[in-house]
Amino acid sequence: QNASSSFSFSKSKSEVLDRLEDVLIPKSATVGTRISEFFDGLNNLAQDPSNINLRTLAMSGAKAVAREMSNLHSGMTELRTLTHDTLKLAAGEFNSTLKNLSNVQNEILGNANKSGAPNTLLDQRDSLLSKLSELADIEVNYNKNGSVAVSLGKFGEVGALLKGNSFNKISFDTDMQGIKSYLNGPNGDRSSIHFASGQLAGLVSADSLIGVTISEV
């Protein structure tokens, strides 16, 4: 589970950063290229200030710089929006998987007083736990009756996800200022959380880097 979570973190973050690299270094020309061309045009104009053609070229160079910077900002903003949308989809998948695990757990607990939980239920339980570990860093404690207690974070220090038949959902607030993560209880209570690994953590980390890049630009 730990290895799966670490791999998903690296994979999801890498995919977003690859897209960011394409935005920052387009195949046509970068902002740096356009700025270099603009200053070359100014240098040429300085040699012959009265030349109308050189003036026109200098103005065209300035417009090209502005256009490239605008395209860069738009590209990064669109990428951040895509990252937020992907994060919300992943959070929905996480909550859905957690709900399915709760349902399976309910069946397991219902069979506990018999000859034992069917192997098919245990297989379903382990498959759902595997999916959760891809999405986030989880801590799992296995009980003798086949049920599990699932918490978020290493050693479960962030918060409880599933205990018995009760489970808590996760949610995100996203805007151009960044991302805030929450653990939502069944009674409507909400607490701030963080993700250290898994796909969700990779997306949050990549979004933070996009935000820093946008501010610098």
N, C-alpha and C. Protein backbone atom coordinates (compact mmCIF):
# COMPACT_ATOMS: atom_id res chain seq x y z
N GLN A 1 0.83 -1.21 0.00
CA GLN A 1 0.00 0.00 0.00
C GLN A 1 0.86 1.26 0.00
N ASN A 2 1.92 1.25 0.79
CA ASN A 2 2.82 2.41 0.81
C ASN A 2 3.51 2.63 -0.53
N ALA A 3 3.95 1.52 -1.14
CA ALA A 3 4.62 1.62 -2.44
C ALA A 3 3.66 2.10 -3.51
N SER A 4 2.43 1.61 -3.47
CA SER A 4 1.41 2.02 -4.43
C SER A 4 1.11 3.50 -4.30
N SER A 5 1.02 3.96 -3.05
CA SER A 5 0.74 5.37 -2.79
C SER A 5 1.88 6.27 -3.28
N SER A 6 3.11 5.85 -3.03
CA SER A 6 4.28 6.64 -3.46
C SER A 6 4.38 6.71 -4.97
N PHE A 7 4.10 5.58 -5.64
CA PHE A 7 4.16 5.55 -7.10
C PHE A 7 3.10 6.47 -7.70
N SER A 8 1.87 6.42 -7.17
CA SER A 8 0.80 7.27 -7.68
C SER A 8 1.10 8.75 -7.48
N PHE A 9 1.74 9.07 -6.35
CA PHE A 9 2.14 10.46 -6.09
C PHE A 9 3.08 10.96 -7.19
N SER A 10 4.13 10.18 -7.44
CA SER A 10 5.13 10.57 -8.45
C SER A 10 4.52 10.64 -9.84
N LYS A 11 3.66 9.69 -10.16
CA LYS A 11 3.06 9.62 -11.50
C LYS A 11 2.14 10.81 -11.76
N SER A 12 1.24 11.09 -10.81
CA SER A 12 0.29 12.18 -11.01
C SER A 12 0.99 13.53 -11.05
N LYS A 13 1.98 13.73 -10.20
CA LYS A 13 2.72 14.99 -10.19
C LYS A 13 3.52 15.16 -11.48
N SER A 14 4.15 14.08 -11.92
CA SER A 14 4.96 14.13 -13.13
C SER A 14 4.11 14.47 -14.36
N GLU A 15 2.91 13.91 -14.43
CA GLU A 15 2.04 14.16 -15.58
C GLU A 15 1.67 15.64 -15.67
N VAL A 16 1.38 16.25 -14.53
CA VAL A 16 1.02 17.68 -14.54
C VAL A 16 2.23 18.54 -14.88
N LEU A 17 3.39 18.19 -14.31
CA LEU A 17 4.59 18.99 -14.55
C LEU A 17 5.08 18.86 -16.00
N ASP A 18 4.84 17.71 -16.62
CA ASP A 18 5.15 17.56 -18.04
C ASP A 18 4.32 18.54 -18.87
N ARG A 19 3.04 18.66 -18.50
CA ARG A 19 2.17 19.62 -19.19
C ARG A 19 2.62 21.05 -18.94
N LEU A 20 3.07 21.32 -17.70
CA LEU A 20 3.56 22.66 -17.38
C LEU A 20 4.81 22.99 -18.20
N GLU A 21 5.66 22.01 -18.38
CA GLU A 21 6.87 22.22 -19.19
C GLU A 21 6.50 22.56 -20.63
N ASP A 22 5.46 21.90 -21.16
CA ASP A 22 5.01 22.19 -22.53
C ASP A 22 4.49 23.62 -22.64
N VAL A 23 3.85 24.10 -21.55
CA VAL A 23 3.34 25.47 -21.55
C VAL A 23 4.48 26.47 -21.48
N LEU A 24 5.46 26.19 -20.63
CA LEU A 24 6.57 27.12 -20.44
C LEU A 24 7.54 27.12 -21.62
N ILE A 25 7.69 25.95 -22.26
CA ILE A 25 8.63 25.84 -23.38
C ILE A 25 7.88 25.30 -24.60
N PRO A 26 7.05 26.12 -25.23
CA PRO A 26 6.30 25.68 -26.41
C PRO A 26 7.24 25.39 -27.58
N LYS A 27 6.76 24.60 -28.52
CA LYS A 27 7.58 24.23 -29.67
C LYS A 27 7.84 25.42 -30.59
N SER A 28 6.92 26.37 -30.63
CA SER A 28 7.08 27.51 -31.55
C SER A 28 8.15 28.48 -31.04
N ALA A 29 7.86 29.12 -29.91
CA ALA A 29 8.82 30.09 -29.36
C ALA A 29 8.45 30.37 -27.91
N THR A 30 9.44 30.65 -27.09
CA THR A 30 9.20 30.98 -25.69
C THR A 30 9.13 32.49 -25.52
N VAL A 31 8.75 32.91 -24.33
CA VAL A 31 8.75 34.34 -24.02
C VAL A 31 10.17 34.88 -24.15
N GLY A 32 11.14 34.10 -23.72
CA GLY A 32 12.54 34.52 -23.83
C GLY A 32 12.95 34.75 -25.27
N THR A 33 12.47 33.88 -26.17
CA THR A 33 12.79 34.04 -27.59
C THR A 33 12.24 35.36 -28.12
N ARG A 34 10.96 35.63 -27.77
CA ARG A 34 10.33 36.86 -28.25
C ARG A 34 11.00 38.11 -27.66
N ILE A 35 11.40 38.04 -26.41
CA ILE A 35 12.09 39.18 -25.80
C ILE A 35 13.44 39.42 -26.48
N SER A 36 14.15 38.33 -26.78
CA SER A 36 15.44 38.45 -27.47
C SER A 36 15.25 39.08 -28.84
N GLU A 37 14.21 38.64 -29.56
CA GLU A 37 13.92 39.21 -30.88
C GLU A 37 13.56 40.69 -30.77
N PHE A 38 12.82 41.03 -29.70
CA PHE A 38 12.40 42.42 -29.50
C PHE A 38 13.60 43.33 -29.28
N PHE A 39 14.55 42.90 -28.43
CA PHE A 39 15.73 43.72 -28.16
C PHE A 39 16.65 43.79 -29.37
N ASP A 40 16.68 42.72 -30.16
CA ASP A 40 17.45 42.78 -31.41
C ASP A 40 16.88 43.86 -32.32
N GLY A 41 15.53 43.91 -32.34
CA GLY A 41 14.87 44.93 -33.16
C GLY A 41 15.16 46.33 -32.66
N LEU A 42 15.19 46.50 -31.33
CA LEU A 42 15.51 47.82 -30.76
C LEU A 42 16.94 48.22 -31.07
N ASN A 43 17.85 47.26 -31.01
CA ASN A 43 19.25 47.56 -31.33
C ASN A 43 19.40 48.00 -32.78
N ASN A 44 18.69 47.30 -33.66
CA ASN A 44 18.75 47.68 -35.08
C ASN A 44 18.16 49.07 -35.29
N LEU A 45 17.06 49.35 -34.58
CA LEU A 45 16.42 50.66 -34.71
C LEU A 45 17.33 51.77 -34.18
N ALA A 46 18.08 51.46 -33.13
CA ALA A 46 18.98 52.47 -32.55
C ALA A 46 20.05 52.90 -33.55
N GLN A 47 20.38 52.00 -34.47
CA GLN A 47 21.39 52.33 -35.49
C GLN A 47 20.83 53.28 -36.55
N ASP A 48 19.50 53.23 -36.71
CA ASP A 48 18.87 54.07 -37.75
C ASP A 48 17.46 54.44 -37.30
N PRO A 49 17.33 55.35 -36.35
CA PRO A 49 16.03 55.68 -35.73
C PRO A 49 14.98 56.18 -36.72
N SER A 50 15.38 56.71 -37.81
CA SER A 50 14.41 57.28 -38.76
C SER A 50 13.86 56.24 -39.73
N ASN A 51 14.38 55.01 -39.68
CA ASN A 51 13.95 53.96 -40.61
C ASN A 51 12.56 53.46 -40.22
N ILE A 52 11.58 53.69 -41.11
CA ILE A 52 10.19 53.31 -40.83
C ILE A 52 10.04 51.79 -40.70
N ASN A 53 10.73 51.05 -41.55
CA ASN A 53 10.62 49.58 -41.51
C ASN A 53 11.15 49.03 -40.19
N LEU A 54 12.26 49.59 -39.70
CA LEU A 54 12.82 49.13 -38.43
C LEU A 54 11.90 49.49 -37.27
N ARG A 55 11.23 50.65 -37.37
CA ARG A 55 10.26 51.02 -36.35
C ARG A 55 9.10 50.02 -36.31
N THR A 56 8.65 49.68 -37.51
CA THR A 56 7.53 48.72 -37.62
C THR A 56 7.92 47.37 -37.04
N LEU A 57 9.14 46.94 -37.34
CA LEU A 57 9.62 45.65 -36.82
C LEU A 57 9.74 45.69 -35.30
N ALA A 58 10.19 46.82 -34.76
CA ALA A 58 10.32 46.95 -33.31
C ALA A 58 8.95 46.88 -32.64
N MET A 59 7.97 47.54 -33.23
CA MET A 59 6.62 47.50 -32.68
C MET A 59 6.03 46.09 -32.77
N SER A 60 6.31 45.41 -33.87
CA SER A 60 5.84 44.03 -34.03
C SER A 60 6.47 43.12 -32.98
N GLY A 61 7.76 43.39 -32.70
CA GLY A 61 8.45 42.60 -31.68
C GLY A 61 7.84 42.80 -30.30
N ALA A 62 7.46 44.04 -29.99
CA ALA A 62 6.83 44.34 -28.70
C ALA A 62 5.49 43.62 -28.59
N LYS A 63 4.72 43.65 -29.67
CA LYS A 63 3.42 42.97 -29.67
C LYS A 63 3.59 41.45 -29.52
N ALA A 64 4.64 40.92 -30.13
CA ALA A 64 4.90 39.48 -30.04
C ALA A 64 5.24 39.08 -28.61
N VAL A 65 6.00 39.94 -27.90
CA VAL A 65 6.33 39.67 -26.49
C VAL A 65 5.05 39.66 -25.65
N ALA A 66 4.21 40.67 -25.84
CA ALA A 66 2.96 40.76 -25.08
C ALA A 66 2.05 39.56 -25.37
N ARG A 67 1.97 39.18 -26.64
CA ARG A 67 1.13 38.05 -27.03
C ARG A 67 1.63 36.74 -26.41
N GLU A 68 2.95 36.56 -26.43
CA GLU A 68 3.52 35.32 -25.89
C GLU A 68 3.33 35.25 -24.37
N MET A 69 3.47 36.39 -23.70
CA MET A 69 3.25 36.41 -22.25
C MET A 69 1.79 36.13 -21.92
N SER A 70 0.89 36.66 -22.72
CA SER A 70 -0.54 36.41 -22.52
C SER A 70 -0.86 34.93 -22.73
N ASN A 71 -0.27 34.35 -23.76
CA ASN A 71 -0.48 32.92 -24.04
C ASN A 71 0.07 32.05 -22.90
N LEU A 72 1.22 32.48 -22.36
CA LEU A 72 1.82 31.74 -21.26
C LEU A 72 0.92 31.75 -20.03
N HIS A 73 0.41 32.93 -19.69
CA HIS A 73 -0.47 33.04 -18.53
C HIS A 73 -1.76 32.24 -18.73
N SER A 74 -2.33 32.32 -19.92
CA SER A 74 -3.55 31.58 -20.22
C SER A 74 -3.31 30.08 -20.13
N GLY A 75 -2.17 29.65 -20.66
CA GLY A 75 -1.85 28.22 -20.63
C GLY A 75 -1.71 27.69 -19.22
N MET A 76 -1.05 28.47 -18.36
CA MET A 76 -0.87 28.02 -16.98
C MET A 76 -2.19 28.05 -16.21
N THR A 77 -3.03 29.07 -16.49
CA THR A 77 -4.33 29.15 -15.83
C THR A 77 -5.21 27.97 -16.23
N GLU A 78 -5.20 27.63 -17.51
CA GLU A 78 -5.98 26.49 -17.99
C GLU A 78 -5.47 25.18 -17.39
N LEU A 79 -4.15 25.06 -17.27
CA LEU A 79 -3.58 23.86 -16.67
C LEU A 79 -3.99 23.75 -15.21
N ARG A 80 -4.01 24.87 -14.51
CA ARG A 80 -4.41 24.84 -13.09
C ARG A 80 -5.88 24.44 -12.96
N THR A 81 -6.71 24.95 -13.84
CA THR A 81 -8.13 24.58 -13.82
C THR A 81 -8.29 23.09 -14.09
N LEU A 82 -7.53 22.57 -15.05
CA LEU A 82 -7.57 21.14 -15.36
C LEU A 82 -7.11 20.30 -14.16
N THR A 83 -6.07 20.78 -13.47
CA THR A 83 -5.57 20.08 -12.28
C THR A 83 -6.63 20.05 -11.19
N HIS A 84 -7.32 21.17 -10.99
CA HIS A 84 -8.39 21.23 -9.99
C HIS A 84 -9.52 20.27 -10.35
N ASP A 85 -9.90 20.24 -11.61
CA ASP A 85 -10.97 19.34 -12.05
C ASP A 85 -10.58 17.88 -11.84
N THR A 86 -9.33 17.56 -12.17
CA THR A 86 -8.84 16.19 -11.98
C THR A 86 -8.82 15.82 -10.50
N LEU A 87 -8.45 16.79 -9.67
CA LEU A 87 -8.41 16.56 -8.23
C LEU A 87 -9.81 16.26 -7.69
N LYS A 88 -10.80 17.00 -8.14
CA LYS A 88 -12.17 16.78 -7.68
C LYS A 88 -12.70 15.43 -8.13
N LEU A 89 -12.34 15.02 -9.35
CA LEU A 89 -12.75 13.70 -9.83
C LEU A 89 -12.11 12.60 -8.99
N ALA A 90 -10.83 12.79 -8.67
CA ALA A 90 -10.11 11.80 -7.85
C ALA A 90 -10.70 11.74 -6.44
N ALA A 91 -11.09 12.90 -5.90
CA ALA A 91 -11.71 12.93 -4.58
C ALA A 91 -13.05 12.20 -4.60
N GLY A 92 -13.81 12.38 -5.68
CA GLY A 92 -15.07 11.66 -5.83
C GLY A 92 -14.85 10.16 -5.89
N GLU A 93 -13.80 9.75 -6.60
CA GLU A 93 -13.47 8.33 -6.69
C GLU A 93 -13.05 7.79 -5.33
N PHE A 94 -12.31 8.60 -4.58
CA PHE A 94 -11.87 8.19 -3.25
C PHE A 94 -13.08 7.98 -2.34
N ASN A 95 -14.01 8.93 -2.33
CA ASN A 95 -15.19 8.82 -1.48
C ASN A 95 -16.08 7.65 -1.90
N SER A 96 -16.21 7.45 -3.20
CA SER A 96 -17.00 6.32 -3.70
C SER A 96 -16.39 4.99 -3.29
N THR A 97 -15.06 4.90 -3.39
CA THR A 97 -14.35 3.67 -2.99
C THR A 97 -14.51 3.43 -1.50
N LEU A 98 -14.44 4.50 -0.73
CA LEU A 98 -14.59 4.39 0.72
C LEU A 98 -16.00 3.93 1.08
N LYS A 99 -16.99 4.43 0.37
CA LYS A 99 -18.38 4.01 0.60
C LYS A 99 -18.55 2.53 0.26
N ASN A 100 -17.98 2.10 -0.86
CA ASN A 100 -18.07 0.69 -1.24
C ASN A 100 -17.37 -0.20 -0.21
N LEU A 101 -16.25 0.29 0.31
CA LEU A 101 -15.55 -0.47 1.35
C LEU A 101 -16.41 -0.58 2.60
N SER A 102 -17.12 0.49 2.93
CA SER A 102 -18.01 0.46 4.09
C SER A 102 -19.11 -0.57 3.90
N ASN A 103 -19.64 -0.65 2.67
CA ASN A 103 -20.69 -1.63 2.37
C ASN A 103 -20.18 -3.05 2.50
N VAL A 104 -18.97 -3.28 1.98
CA VAL A 104 -18.37 -4.60 2.09
C VAL A 104 -18.09 -4.93 3.55
N GLN A 105 -17.62 -3.94 4.28
CA GLN A 105 -17.34 -4.14 5.70
C GLN A 105 -18.62 -4.53 6.45
N ASN A 106 -19.72 -3.91 6.08
CA ASN A 106 -21.00 -4.21 6.71
C ASN A 106 -21.37 -5.68 6.50
N GLU A 107 -21.11 -6.18 5.29
CA GLU A 107 -21.38 -7.59 5.01
C GLU A 107 -20.45 -8.49 5.80
N ILE A 108 -19.19 -8.08 5.87
CA ILE A 108 -18.22 -8.88 6.63
C ILE A 108 -18.62 -8.97 8.10
N LEU A 109 -19.01 -7.84 8.67
CA LEU A 109 -19.41 -7.84 10.07
C LEU A 109 -20.69 -8.64 10.28
N GLY A 110 -21.55 -8.66 9.29
CA GLY A 110 -22.77 -9.45 9.40
C GLY A 110 -22.51 -10.94 9.37
N ASN A 111 -21.39 -11.34 8.78
CA ASN A 111 -21.04 -12.76 8.69
C ASN A 111 -20.06 -13.19 9.78
N ALA A 112 -19.69 -12.25 10.65
CA ALA A 112 -18.62 -12.53 11.61
C ALA A 112 -18.96 -13.64 12.59
N ASN A 113 -20.24 -13.81 12.95
CA ASN A 113 -20.62 -14.81 13.94
C ASN A 113 -20.82 -16.19 13.32
N LYS A 114 -20.67 -16.27 12.01
CA LYS A 114 -20.84 -17.56 11.35
C LYS A 114 -19.48 -18.24 11.22
N SER A 115 -19.29 -18.91 10.14
CA SER A 115 -18.04 -19.66 9.98
C SER A 115 -16.89 -18.77 9.54
N GLY A 116 -17.16 -17.50 9.41
CA GLY A 116 -16.14 -16.57 8.95
C GLY A 116 -16.59 -15.85 7.70
N ALA A 117 -15.99 -14.69 7.43
CA ALA A 117 -16.36 -13.92 6.24
C ALA A 117 -15.93 -14.65 4.98
N PRO A 118 -16.80 -14.71 3.98
CA PRO A 118 -16.44 -15.39 2.73
C PRO A 118 -15.19 -14.77 2.11
N ASN A 119 -14.42 -15.62 1.46
CA ASN A 119 -13.18 -15.13 0.83
C ASN A 119 -13.45 -14.06 -0.23
N THR A 120 -14.60 -14.16 -0.87
CA THR A 120 -14.92 -13.16 -1.90
C THR A 120 -15.04 -11.77 -1.29
N LEU A 121 -15.60 -11.67 -0.10
CA LEU A 121 -15.72 -10.38 0.57
C LEU A 121 -14.36 -9.84 0.97
N LEU A 122 -13.50 -10.73 1.42
CA LEU A 122 -12.15 -10.31 1.80
C LEU A 122 -11.37 -9.85 0.58
N ASP A 123 -11.58 -10.53 -0.56
CA ASP A 123 -10.93 -10.10 -1.80
C ASP A 123 -11.41 -8.71 -2.21
N GLN A 124 -12.72 -8.49 -2.09
CA GLN A 124 -13.28 -7.18 -2.42
C GLN A 124 -12.70 -6.11 -1.49
N ARG A 125 -12.62 -6.45 -0.22
CA ARG A 125 -12.06 -5.52 0.77
C ARG A 125 -10.64 -5.12 0.39
N ASP A 126 -9.80 -6.10 0.07
CA ASP A 126 -8.40 -5.83 -0.25
C ASP A 126 -8.26 -5.05 -1.55
N SER A 127 -9.14 -5.33 -2.52
CA SER A 127 -9.11 -4.60 -3.79
C SER A 127 -9.46 -3.13 -3.58
N LEU A 128 -10.44 -2.88 -2.73
CA LEU A 128 -10.83 -1.50 -2.44
C LEU A 128 -9.75 -0.77 -1.64
N LEU A 129 -9.10 -1.46 -0.72
CA LEU A 129 -8.00 -0.86 0.02
C LEU A 129 -6.84 -0.52 -0.90
N SER A 130 -6.61 -1.38 -1.88
CA SER A 130 -5.54 -1.12 -2.85
C SER A 130 -5.84 0.15 -3.65
N LYS A 131 -7.11 0.32 -4.02
CA LYS A 131 -7.50 1.51 -4.78
C LYS A 131 -7.35 2.77 -3.92
N LEU A 132 -7.74 2.67 -2.66
CA LEU A 132 -7.59 3.82 -1.76
C LEU A 132 -6.13 4.23 -1.61
N SER A 133 -5.25 3.23 -1.53
CA SER A 133 -3.83 3.51 -1.34
C SER A 133 -3.22 4.18 -2.57
N GLU A 134 -3.80 3.95 -3.75
CA GLU A 134 -3.33 4.65 -4.95
C GLU A 134 -3.69 6.13 -4.88
N LEU A 135 -4.82 6.42 -4.27
CA LEU A 135 -5.32 7.79 -4.23
C LEU A 135 -4.73 8.60 -3.09
N ALA A 136 -4.45 7.94 -1.96
CA ALA A 136 -3.93 8.67 -0.80
C ALA A 136 -3.13 7.75 0.10
N ASP A 137 -2.38 8.35 1.01
CA ASP A 137 -1.61 7.58 1.99
C ASP A 137 -2.54 7.15 3.12
N ILE A 138 -2.71 5.86 3.28
CA ILE A 138 -3.62 5.35 4.30
C ILE A 138 -2.91 4.39 5.25
N GLU A 139 -3.46 4.27 6.43
CA GLU A 139 -3.00 3.32 7.42
C GLU A 139 -4.16 2.35 7.67
N VAL A 140 -3.89 1.05 7.60
CA VAL A 140 -4.94 0.04 7.74
C VAL A 140 -4.63 -0.87 8.92
N ASN A 141 -5.60 -1.02 9.80
CA ASN A 141 -5.50 -1.97 10.90
C ASN A 141 -6.52 -3.08 10.67
N TYR A 142 -6.03 -4.32 10.65
CA TYR A 142 -6.89 -5.47 10.36
C TYR A 142 -7.37 -6.10 11.66
N ASN A 143 -8.67 -6.35 11.74
CA ASN A 143 -9.27 -6.99 12.91
C ASN A 143 -9.48 -8.48 12.66
N LYS A 144 -9.59 -9.24 13.75
CA LYS A 144 -9.73 -10.69 13.64
C LYS A 144 -11.02 -11.11 12.93
N ASN A 145 -12.04 -10.27 13.00
CA ASN A 145 -13.32 -10.62 12.37
C ASN A 145 -13.35 -10.29 10.88
N GLY A 146 -12.22 -9.84 10.34
CA GLY A 146 -12.13 -9.54 8.91
C GLY A 146 -12.37 -8.09 8.57
N SER A 147 -12.83 -7.30 9.53
CA SER A 147 -13.06 -5.88 9.28
C SER A 147 -11.74 -5.11 9.38
N VAL A 148 -11.78 -3.86 8.95
CA VAL A 148 -10.58 -3.03 9.00
C VAL A 148 -10.92 -1.65 9.54
N ALA A 149 -9.94 -0.99 10.10
CA ALA A 149 -10.04 0.42 10.47
C ALA A 149 -9.04 1.17 9.59
N VAL A 150 -9.53 2.16 8.86
CA VAL A 150 -8.69 2.87 7.90
C VAL A 150 -8.55 4.33 8.33
N SER A 151 -7.33 4.80 8.36
CA SER A 151 -7.05 6.19 8.72
C SER A 151 -6.19 6.82 7.63
N LEU A 152 -6.17 8.14 7.63
CA LEU A 152 -5.40 8.89 6.64
C LEU A 152 -4.06 9.28 7.22
N GLY A 153 -3.01 9.14 6.43
CA GLY A 153 -1.68 9.56 6.85
C GLY A 153 -0.87 8.42 7.42
N LYS A 154 0.42 8.64 7.51
CA LYS A 154 1.32 7.65 8.10
C LYS A 154 0.97 7.45 9.57
N PHE A 155 0.80 6.20 9.96
CA PHE A 155 0.38 5.85 11.32
C PHE A 155 -1.01 6.39 11.64
N GLY A 156 -1.74 6.80 10.58
CA GLY A 156 -3.11 7.26 10.78
C GLY A 156 -3.24 8.54 11.56
N GLU A 157 -2.21 9.40 11.52
CA GLU A 157 -2.20 10.59 12.38
C GLU A 157 -3.08 11.72 11.85
N VAL A 158 -3.51 11.65 10.57
CA VAL A 158 -4.27 12.77 10.00
C VAL A 158 -5.74 12.71 10.39
N GLY A 159 -6.34 11.53 10.34
CA GLY A 159 -7.77 11.41 10.69
C GLY A 159 -8.34 10.08 10.29
N ALA A 160 -9.43 9.69 10.95
CA ALA A 160 -10.09 8.40 10.68
C ALA A 160 -10.92 8.49 9.40
N LEU A 161 -10.81 7.47 8.55
CA LEU A 161 -11.61 7.38 7.34
C LEU A 161 -12.74 6.37 7.49
N LEU A 162 -12.45 5.22 8.06
CA LEU A 162 -13.45 4.16 8.22
C LEU A 162 -13.23 3.43 9.53
N LYS A 163 -14.31 3.33 10.30
CA LYS A 163 -14.28 2.57 11.54
C LYS A 163 -15.64 1.94 11.72
N GLY A 164 -15.65 0.60 11.73
CA GLY A 164 -16.93 -0.09 11.76
C GLY A 164 -17.70 0.18 10.49
N ASN A 165 -18.93 0.67 10.62
CA ASN A 165 -19.74 1.01 9.45
C ASN A 165 -19.74 2.51 9.16
N SER A 166 -19.02 3.28 9.96
CA SER A 166 -19.01 4.73 9.81
C SER A 166 -17.78 5.17 9.03
N PHE A 167 -17.98 6.07 8.07
CA PHE A 167 -16.85 6.57 7.30
C PHE A 167 -16.97 8.08 7.09
N ASN A 168 -15.83 8.73 6.93
CA ASN A 168 -15.75 10.17 6.69
C ASN A 168 -15.29 10.43 5.27
N LYS A 169 -15.87 11.43 4.64
CA LYS A 169 -15.51 11.78 3.28
C LYS A 169 -14.44 12.88 3.26
N ILE A 170 -13.78 13.02 2.12
CA ILE A 170 -12.83 14.11 1.94
C ILE A 170 -13.40 15.10 0.94
N SER A 171 -12.92 16.32 0.99
CA SER A 171 -13.35 17.35 0.03
C SER A 171 -12.24 18.37 -0.14
N PHE A 172 -12.35 19.16 -1.21
CA PHE A 172 -11.35 20.18 -1.53
C PHE A 172 -12.04 21.49 -1.89
N ASP A 173 -11.47 22.59 -1.45
CA ASP A 173 -11.84 23.91 -1.92
C ASP A 173 -10.71 24.39 -2.82
N THR A 174 -11.04 24.72 -4.06
CA THR A 174 -10.00 25.12 -5.01
C THR A 174 -10.30 26.49 -5.60
N ASP A 175 -9.27 27.29 -5.75
CA ASP A 175 -9.34 28.55 -6.48
C ASP A 175 -7.94 28.89 -6.96
N MET A 176 -7.77 30.04 -7.57
CA MET A 176 -6.48 30.40 -8.11
C MET A 176 -5.46 30.75 -7.03
N GLN A 177 -5.89 30.78 -5.77
CA GLN A 177 -4.97 31.02 -4.67
C GLN A 177 -4.37 29.72 -4.14
N GLY A 178 -5.00 28.58 -4.48
CA GLY A 178 -4.47 27.30 -4.02
C GLY A 178 -5.57 26.31 -3.68
N ILE A 179 -5.21 25.29 -2.91
CA ILE A 179 -6.12 24.20 -2.57
C ILE A 179 -6.15 24.01 -1.06
N LYS A 180 -7.36 23.80 -0.52
CA LYS A 180 -7.54 23.46 0.88
C LYS A 180 -8.24 22.11 0.96
N SER A 181 -7.72 21.23 1.82
CA SER A 181 -8.23 19.86 1.93
C SER A 181 -8.95 19.68 3.26
N TYR A 182 -10.05 18.90 3.23
CA TYR A 182 -10.85 18.71 4.44
C TYR A 182 -11.29 17.27 4.59
N LEU A 183 -11.51 16.90 5.84
CA LEU A 183 -12.12 15.63 6.20
C LEU A 183 -13.50 15.96 6.76
N ASN A 184 -14.54 15.39 6.15
CA ASN A 184 -15.92 15.72 6.53
C ASN A 184 -16.56 14.55 7.26
N GLY A 185 -17.02 14.81 8.48
CA GLY A 185 -17.67 13.79 9.28
C GLY A 185 -19.12 13.61 8.90
N PRO A 186 -19.75 12.54 9.33
CA PRO A 186 -21.16 12.28 9.00
C PRO A 186 -22.11 13.30 9.60
N ASN A 187 -21.68 14.00 10.63
CA ASN A 187 -22.54 15.00 11.28
C ASN A 187 -22.32 16.41 10.74
N GLY A 188 -21.53 16.52 9.68
CA GLY A 188 -21.29 17.83 9.07
C GLY A 188 -20.06 18.54 9.59
N ASP A 189 -19.37 17.96 10.56
CA ASP A 189 -18.15 18.60 11.06
C ASP A 189 -17.04 18.48 10.00
N ARG A 190 -16.14 19.46 10.01
CA ARG A 190 -15.12 19.56 8.96
C ARG A 190 -13.79 19.94 9.58
N SER A 191 -12.74 19.23 9.19
CA SER A 191 -11.41 19.54 9.73
C SER A 191 -10.39 19.56 8.59
N SER A 192 -9.42 20.45 8.71
CA SER A 192 -8.38 20.56 7.69
C SER A 192 -7.44 19.35 7.75
N ILE A 193 -7.04 18.87 6.60
CA ILE A 193 -6.14 17.72 6.52
C ILE A 193 -5.08 17.98 5.46
N HIS A 194 -4.08 17.11 5.40
CA HIS A 194 -3.08 17.18 4.34
C HIS A 194 -2.79 15.77 3.84
N PHE A 195 -2.35 15.70 2.61
CA PHE A 195 -2.01 14.42 1.99
C PHE A 195 -0.51 14.39 1.74
N ALA A 196 0.13 13.31 2.17
CA ALA A 196 1.58 13.19 2.01
C ALA A 196 1.96 12.33 0.81
N SER A 197 1.03 11.51 0.33
CA SER A 197 1.36 10.61 -0.77
C SER A 197 0.08 10.25 -1.52
N GLY A 198 0.23 9.51 -2.62
CA GLY A 198 -0.91 9.14 -3.43
C GLY A 198 -1.21 10.15 -4.52
N GLN A 199 -2.16 9.81 -5.39
CA GLN A 199 -2.52 10.68 -6.51
C GLN A 199 -2.99 12.05 -6.03
N LEU A 200 -3.80 12.08 -4.98
CA LEU A 200 -4.31 13.36 -4.48
C LEU A 200 -3.18 14.28 -4.04
N ALA A 201 -2.21 13.73 -3.32
CA ALA A 201 -1.07 14.54 -2.88
C ALA A 201 -0.25 15.02 -4.06
N GLY A 202 -0.09 14.17 -5.08
CA GLY A 202 0.67 14.57 -6.27
C GLY A 202 0.03 15.74 -6.98
N LEU A 203 -1.31 15.72 -7.09
CA LEU A 203 -2.02 16.81 -7.74
C LEU A 203 -1.93 18.10 -6.93
N VAL A 204 -2.06 17.99 -5.61
CA VAL A 204 -1.97 19.17 -4.75
C VAL A 204 -0.57 19.78 -4.84
N SER A 205 0.45 18.93 -4.82
CA SER A 205 1.83 19.41 -4.89
C SER A 205 2.11 20.08 -6.23
N ALA A 206 1.63 19.47 -7.32
CA ALA A 206 1.83 20.05 -8.65
C ALA A 206 1.12 21.39 -8.78
N ASP A 207 -0.08 21.48 -8.20
CA ASP A 207 -0.84 22.73 -8.25
C ASP A 207 -0.08 23.84 -7.53
N SER A 208 0.55 23.50 -6.43
CA SER A 208 1.33 24.50 -5.70
C SER A 208 2.47 25.04 -6.55
N LEU A 209 3.13 24.17 -7.30
CA LEU A 209 4.21 24.62 -8.18
C LEU A 209 3.68 25.48 -9.32
N ILE A 210 2.51 25.14 -9.84
CA ILE A 210 1.90 25.95 -10.89
C ILE A 210 1.60 27.34 -10.34
N GLY A 211 1.08 27.41 -9.11
CA GLY A 211 0.75 28.69 -8.49
C GLY A 211 1.99 29.56 -8.32
N VAL A 212 3.10 28.95 -7.90
CA VAL A 212 4.35 29.69 -7.73
C VAL A 212 4.82 30.22 -9.09
N THR A 213 4.71 29.40 -10.13
CA THR A 213 5.15 29.80 -11.47
C THR A 213 4.31 30.96 -11.99
N ILE A 214 2.98 30.89 -11.77
CA ILE A 214 2.09 31.96 -12.22
C ILE A 214 2.46 33.28 -11.53
N SER A 215 2.71 33.22 -10.22
CA SER A 215 3.05 34.44 -9.47
C SER A 215 4.36 35.04 -9.95
N GLU A 216 5.32 34.18 -10.33
CA GLU A 216 6.59 34.67 -10.81
C GLU A 216 6.46 35.31 -12.19
N VAL A 217 5.60 34.71 -13.01
CA VAL A 217 5.38 35.26 -14.35
C VAL A 217 4.64 36.60 -14.24
